[in-house]
Amino acid sequence: MIFKNIFDYNEQARTQHILKVAESLPKGTRVLDAGAGPCRYREMFAHCEYLSQDFAQFHGEEHSYGKLDYVGDITNIAAENESFDFILCTEVFEHIPRPDLAVAEFSRLLRKGGKLLITAPFAAGIHMAPYHYYGGFSPYWYKHFLPESGLAVDEIISNGGFFKLYGQETRRFLTLLTPVGVIKRRLFLPVKAILALWFRIFVPVVCHYLDSLDRDRSFTAGYFVQAHKE
């Protein structure tokens, strides 16, 4: 687990946070996983009434969809007003042309006092193209748009600081440095093996332990946002 927390900290920290929140929900809580994709968090909500939604239009490599209860636009979900106690939306906002309208839809679907958990990147390269519209969302985005839809922000937690983010991005160096072409790639292998020790192991490990020095947290991979409907 320690290796996953270092070399895959972004996803691991997010998963652990979602698990903690899921375990805090009472049995029978009606949950909507909005933009659920493969429904990877279904088991975490096994004690709840778990329903999932996605537009199901992206068919890129290494991407699949789980059993979806609602298929369609996340800003217009075919469910009744105030029909959910909890909504989860994780790593989806950057793929929505109007995420503010998704927030309004969540507010419509949540019962009074119902809770919302959003995770979204603050720093992200293009992925799931062409369905990628934003590089990331700052805390001020949530503080502005959530209250506009009657949602009170309870907490905004950064997923790591500058050093963890730097360690994560450093692991991409080798991919970008590796030349194109079979012969060039083979010739590059001995150099790649040496560089891998630095870019893929040493720097991420050191950055993992240096991260506590970053108290500002203004450079981060993303944020975990919790809110409730007033």
Protein backbone atom coordinates (compact mmCIF):
# COMPACT_ATOMS: atom_id res chain seq x y z
CA MET A 1 0.00 0.00 0.00
CA ILE A 2 2.86 2.41 0.81
CA PHE A 3 4.11 2.11 -2.79
CA LYS A 4 0.65 2.89 -4.20
CA ASN A 5 0.36 5.87 -1.87
CA ILE A 6 3.64 7.22 -3.28
CA PHE A 7 3.54 6.28 -6.96
CA ASP A 8 -0.23 6.55 -7.43
CA TYR A 9 -1.02 9.01 -4.65
CA ASN A 10 -3.61 10.99 -6.63
CA GLU A 11 -6.00 8.09 -7.15
CA GLN A 12 -5.18 6.40 -3.84
CA ALA A 13 -5.87 9.51 -1.75
CA ARG A 14 -9.11 10.11 -3.65
CA THR A 15 -10.25 6.50 -3.18
CA GLN A 16 -9.46 6.57 0.53
CA HIS A 17 -11.37 9.83 0.97
CA ILE A 18 -14.44 8.49 -0.84
CA LEU A 19 -14.31 5.29 1.23
CA LYS A 20 -14.21 7.28 4.46
CA VAL A 21 -17.25 9.31 3.42
CA ALA A 22 -19.11 6.20 2.19
CA GLU A 23 -18.57 4.44 5.52
CA SER A 24 -20.04 7.43 7.34
CA LEU A 25 -23.38 7.16 5.52
CA PRO A 26 -26.26 5.37 7.29
CA LYS A 27 -27.53 2.08 5.92
CA GLY A 28 -30.13 2.58 3.21
CA THR A 29 -28.91 6.03 2.17
CA ARG A 30 -30.07 6.72 -1.40
CA VAL A 31 -26.92 7.47 -3.38
CA LEU A 32 -26.39 8.76 -6.91
CA ASP A 33 -22.98 8.27 -8.51
CA ALA A 34 -23.07 10.95 -11.23
CA GLY A 35 -20.68 10.40 -14.13
CA ALA A 36 -20.00 6.95 -12.72
CA GLY A 37 -18.20 5.45 -15.72
CA PRO A 38 -17.22 1.90 -14.67
CA CYS A 39 -19.00 2.31 -11.30
CA ARG A 40 -15.74 1.62 -9.48
CA TYR A 41 -17.14 2.82 -6.15
CA ARG A 42 -20.26 0.63 -6.15
CA GLU A 43 -18.91 -1.78 -3.51
CA MET A 44 -18.11 1.07 -1.13
CA PHE A 45 -21.82 1.91 -1.07
CA ALA A 46 -23.05 -1.68 -0.76
CA HIS A 47 -24.91 -0.75 2.44
CA CYS A 48 -26.72 2.03 0.57
CA GLU A 49 -29.19 2.16 -2.31
CA TYR A 50 -26.63 2.89 -5.03
CA LEU A 51 -27.72 4.28 -8.40
CA SER A 52 -25.44 5.40 -11.21
CA GLN A 53 -25.52 7.83 -14.14
CA ASP A 54 -23.31 8.59 -17.13
CA PHE A 55 -23.65 9.90 -20.67
CA ALA A 56 -21.88 6.71 -21.91
CA GLN A 57 -20.55 8.29 -25.11
CA PHE A 58 -16.79 7.94 -24.66
CA HIS A 59 -15.32 4.71 -25.99
CA GLY A 60 -11.58 5.23 -25.73
CA GLU A 61 -8.95 2.69 -24.75
CA GLU A 62 -9.04 1.30 -21.22
CA HIS A 63 -12.43 2.83 -20.52
CA SER A 64 -15.67 1.00 -19.91
CA TYR A 65 -19.07 1.60 -18.34
CA GLY A 66 -20.67 -0.30 -15.51
CA LYS A 67 -24.35 -1.07 -15.08
CA LEU A 68 -25.94 2.37 -15.36
CA ASP A 69 -29.36 3.31 -14.01
CA TYR A 70 -29.53 6.64 -15.83
CA VAL A 71 -27.97 7.19 -19.26
CA GLY A 72 -27.95 10.76 -20.53
CA ASP A 73 -26.86 14.32 -19.86
CA ILE A 74 -25.61 14.95 -16.33
CA THR A 75 -27.37 18.33 -16.37
CA ASN A 76 -30.75 16.67 -17.03
CA ILE A 77 -31.02 13.38 -15.12
CA ALA A 78 -34.32 11.49 -15.36
CA ALA A 79 -35.00 11.35 -11.62
CA GLU A 80 -37.54 13.12 -9.44
CA ASN A 81 -36.83 16.25 -7.42
CA GLU A 82 -35.27 15.68 -4.01
CA SER A 83 -34.91 11.94 -4.56
CA PHE A 84 -31.37 11.42 -3.23
CA ASP A 85 -29.67 11.72 0.15
CA PHE A 86 -26.14 11.76 -1.22
CA ILE A 87 -24.54 12.50 -4.60
CA LEU A 88 -21.01 11.52 -5.60
CA CYS A 89 -19.36 13.10 -8.63
CA THR A 90 -15.70 12.27 -9.00
CA GLU A 91 -13.28 13.43 -11.74
CA VAL A 92 -16.14 14.42 -14.02
CA PHE A 93 -16.41 18.22 -14.02
CA GLU A 94 -13.56 18.76 -16.48
CA HIS A 95 -15.56 16.70 -19.01
CA ILE A 96 -18.77 18.74 -18.77
CA PRO A 97 -19.21 21.84 -20.97
CA ARG A 98 -21.32 23.53 -18.25
CA PRO A 99 -20.38 22.10 -14.84
CA ASP A 100 -22.33 24.90 -13.15
CA LEU A 101 -25.50 23.41 -14.64
CA ALA A 102 -24.53 20.01 -13.22
CA VAL A 103 -24.29 21.65 -9.78
CA ALA A 104 -27.82 23.06 -10.23
CA GLU A 105 -29.05 19.59 -11.21
CA PHE A 106 -27.48 18.05 -8.11
CA SER A 107 -29.24 20.63 -5.98
CA ARG A 108 -32.55 19.72 -7.62
CA LEU A 109 -32.01 16.02 -6.92
CA LEU A 110 -30.84 16.34 -3.33
CA ARG A 111 -33.23 16.32 -0.42
CA LYS A 112 -32.92 19.16 2.09
CA GLY A 113 -29.83 18.42 4.17
CA GLY A 114 -28.61 15.97 1.53
CA LYS A 115 -24.86 15.79 0.98
CA LEU A 116 -22.65 16.16 -2.07
CA LEU A 117 -19.07 15.03 -2.64
CA ILE A 118 -17.23 16.36 -5.68
CA THR A 119 -13.65 15.56 -6.64
CA ALA A 120 -12.13 17.25 -9.67
CA PRO A 121 -8.61 18.12 -10.84
CA PHE A 122 -6.91 21.43 -10.37
CA ALA A 123 -4.08 20.47 -12.73
CA ALA A 124 -4.82 18.05 -15.55
CA GLY A 125 -3.61 17.41 -19.07
CA ILE A 126 -6.04 16.60 -21.85
CA HIS A 127 -7.67 13.18 -21.48
CA MET A 128 -10.86 11.51 -22.75
CA ALA A 129 -10.65 13.80 -25.79
CA PRO A 130 -12.70 15.37 -27.23
CA TYR A 131 -14.73 15.38 -24.02
CA HIS A 132 -12.29 17.53 -22.07
CA TYR A 133 -13.17 21.18 -21.53
CA TYR A 134 -11.28 22.45 -18.46
CA GLY A 135 -7.80 22.06 -16.99
CA GLY A 136 -9.05 22.27 -13.43
CA PHE A 137 -11.16 23.96 -10.76
CA SER A 138 -9.98 26.19 -7.92
CA PRO A 139 -11.61 26.41 -4.47
CA TYR A 140 -13.10 29.74 -5.54
CA TRP A 141 -15.05 28.06 -8.32
CA TYR A 142 -16.87 25.89 -5.78
CA LYS A 143 -17.35 28.77 -3.34
CA HIS A 144 -18.96 30.80 -6.12
CA PHE A 145 -21.14 28.29 -7.95
CA LEU A 146 -22.33 25.91 -5.22
CA PRO A 147 -24.05 28.57 -3.07
CA GLU A 148 -25.72 29.94 -6.23
CA SER A 149 -27.60 26.63 -6.38
CA GLY A 150 -28.46 26.47 -2.68
CA LEU A 151 -25.53 24.26 -1.69
CA ALA A 152 -23.42 25.18 1.34
CA VAL A 153 -19.74 24.27 1.10
CA ASP A 154 -18.66 22.30 4.17
CA GLU A 155 -15.02 21.62 3.35
CA ILE A 156 -12.50 21.79 0.53
CA ILE A 157 -9.46 19.54 0.91
CA SER A 158 -6.45 19.62 -1.40
CA ASN A 159 -5.20 16.30 -2.76
CA GLY A 160 -1.54 16.78 -1.90
CA GLY A 161 0.61 19.85 -2.32
CA PHE A 162 3.30 21.08 -4.69
CA PHE A 163 5.85 18.36 -3.96
CA LYS A 164 3.49 15.43 -4.54
CA LEU A 165 2.25 17.09 -7.71
CA TYR A 166 5.84 17.63 -8.89
CA GLY A 167 6.68 14.00 -8.09
CA GLN A 168 3.67 12.82 -10.08
CA GLU A 169 4.52 14.93 -13.12
CA THR A 170 8.21 13.97 -12.96
CA ARG A 171 7.15 10.40 -13.68
CA ARG A 172 6.00 11.61 -17.11
CA PHE A 173 9.50 12.75 -18.10
CA LEU A 174 10.60 9.35 -19.38
CA THR A 175 7.53 8.99 -21.58
CA LEU A 176 8.25 12.35 -23.20
CA LEU A 177 11.99 11.68 -23.51
CA THR A 178 11.62 8.25 -25.12
CA PRO A 179 12.31 8.62 -28.88
CA VAL A 180 9.93 7.45 -31.59
CA GLY A 181 10.93 4.46 -33.73
CA VAL A 182 11.90 0.88 -32.85
CA ILE A 183 15.66 1.26 -33.37
CA LYS A 184 15.91 4.55 -31.47
CA ARG A 185 13.85 3.13 -28.62
CA ARG A 186 16.14 0.10 -28.33
CA LEU A 187 19.25 2.26 -28.34
CA PHE A 188 17.66 4.44 -25.65
CA LEU A 189 16.89 1.50 -23.33
CA PRO A 190 20.17 1.59 -21.29
CA VAL A 191 19.79 5.34 -20.75
CA LYS A 192 16.12 4.90 -19.94
CA ALA A 193 16.91 2.31 -17.26
CA ILE A 194 19.26 4.75 -15.53
CA LEU A 195 16.92 7.72 -15.84
CA ALA A 196 14.04 5.62 -14.52
CA LEU A 197 15.76 5.40 -11.14
CA TRP A 198 15.68 9.20 -10.93
CA PHE A 199 12.39 10.13 -12.62
CA ARG A 200 10.24 7.14 -11.64
CA ILE A 201 11.58 6.29 -8.17
CA PHE A 202 13.92 8.74 -6.44
CA VAL A 203 12.13 12.03 -7.14
CA PRO A 204 8.57 10.75 -6.39
CA VAL A 205 9.71 9.17 -3.11
CA VAL A 206 11.58 12.28 -1.95
CA CYS A 207 8.68 14.54 -2.97
CA HIS A 208 6.22 12.34 -1.09
CA TYR A 209 8.04 12.97 2.17
CA LEU A 210 8.72 16.65 1.44
CA ASP A 211 5.05 17.38 0.81
CA SER A 212 4.27 18.19 4.44
CA LEU A 213 6.52 21.27 4.04
CA ASP A 214 4.00 22.80 1.62
CA ARG A 215 1.50 24.45 3.93
CA ASP A 216 0.00 26.70 1.26
CA ARG A 217 -1.38 23.88 -0.94
CA SER A 218 -2.10 26.29 -3.82
CA PHE A 219 -0.40 23.89 -6.26
CA THR A 220 -2.25 20.59 -6.03
CA ALA A 221 -3.54 17.76 -8.20
CA GLY A 222 -7.13 18.52 -7.23
CA TYR A 223 -9.67 19.10 -4.50
CA PHE A 224 -12.18 17.04 -2.52
CA VAL A 225 -15.28 19.17 -1.95
CA GLN A 226 -18.11 18.38 0.42
CA ALA A 227 -21.33 20.35 0.57
CA HIS A 228 -24.95 20.01 1.68
CA LYS A 229 -28.27 21.33 0.47
CA GLU A 230 -29.63 24.07 2.69
